[in-house]
């Protein structure tokens, strides 16, 4: 073999070794990403925290490195995909600031994941709020790209030369991009969510290798989501009244403590309402306990229909109900309670196995932190006393605590 051929063979061998080293480094990085994300997901069962960890794994420079990622969860009961969370900058300028900060502070994936513990800002952006309003039908005709990925159970990579074809897609009408990947999340071979990721700001092409590692992460993510949803279902059932499906007495007590503390820290208000059905024993004695249960169930529906997003409707016990009204002072709580009382008085309650209706009224007590009390026990006592005052002065009334003697 002449020297030229020998040199060529040596170069080929060096290139092969270099290629193997690069493949090994790539495999190590992939394993490291999967390990870090998997490890983080084992630290919590809270669904939002799990979603945040997954999206951090997709967007982190120490993870898959996509610019932005959105996560949708399947609501099989309503046959829709619901937008749940976005991670990623809202503009190129925002992107540069974030990436420079991460680089300057040398943040690894654990540091980025820990942001969820200390601040929810990363998941409360304007864009995030827009995505949360998105509900994509699980219908091949109207659900567009996301429905297609859901039913096929396979990733879709829409390249820049194809993106204009989907201008009217329900997702792309909100999520403007030049190229994207849509990745189904599976548990036991059933899709329970979808992640959409892109590189809008860096314009980095999405490669086959990107898709391969993304699919591996997605498999872990789908199982973690299923475990979290099962856990939250068990927790929800333990805190829910079996007859009315409202929160139960224990949940009311625990949540009221938390809301008072939150209000104390933020110099805010918390209102509570105690509702007692008038003459309920007489109703049971006259019409039977089955009709009594129908009335309680129907009353619970009225409370749910009348509630605001951040309020808690609870069954206090027997024929008593309680409501925690967040960021609500006494005057506002009284207005809400009075409107509820009037609605209940006008309502036609169905009878068990009968087309006839029952009419009933409620007596209502209202109290608020910090106007009426500074502790949970005192607040409940004040609202309870106000409710008994309403009973005493003729029922079908709403009362607030009487002024304290000087």
Foldseek 3Di string as FASTA:
>chain_A
DDPVVVVVVVVVVVVVVVVVVVVVVVVVLLVVLLVVLLVQLVVDLAQVLLVLSLQLQCCPPSHLNFQKKWKWFADVVVQKTATDWMAHDPDLVRSVVVVVVCVVVVDHSVNSSCCVVVDPVRTPDPLNVVRRPDIAGCDPVQRPPQNVCQVVVAKDKQAQVRVVVCCVHSVCVSVPARIKMKHFADDPSHGGMIMITHRRNVPDDQDPVSRVSSNVSSPSSNNSNVSSVVVVVVVLVVQADPLQRFGEQVCVLVVVQVLLVVCVVVVFKKKKKKKAWPPLVVVCVVQNVVQSSQLQNVLSVLPVVLDDPPKGWYANDDRMIMIIGHRAAQVRQQVSVLVSQVVLQPDFGDGDPDPHTDGTGMQMFMHMPPVQHNGPVRRVVQRVVQSVVCVVVPGSYYGYGDDDDD
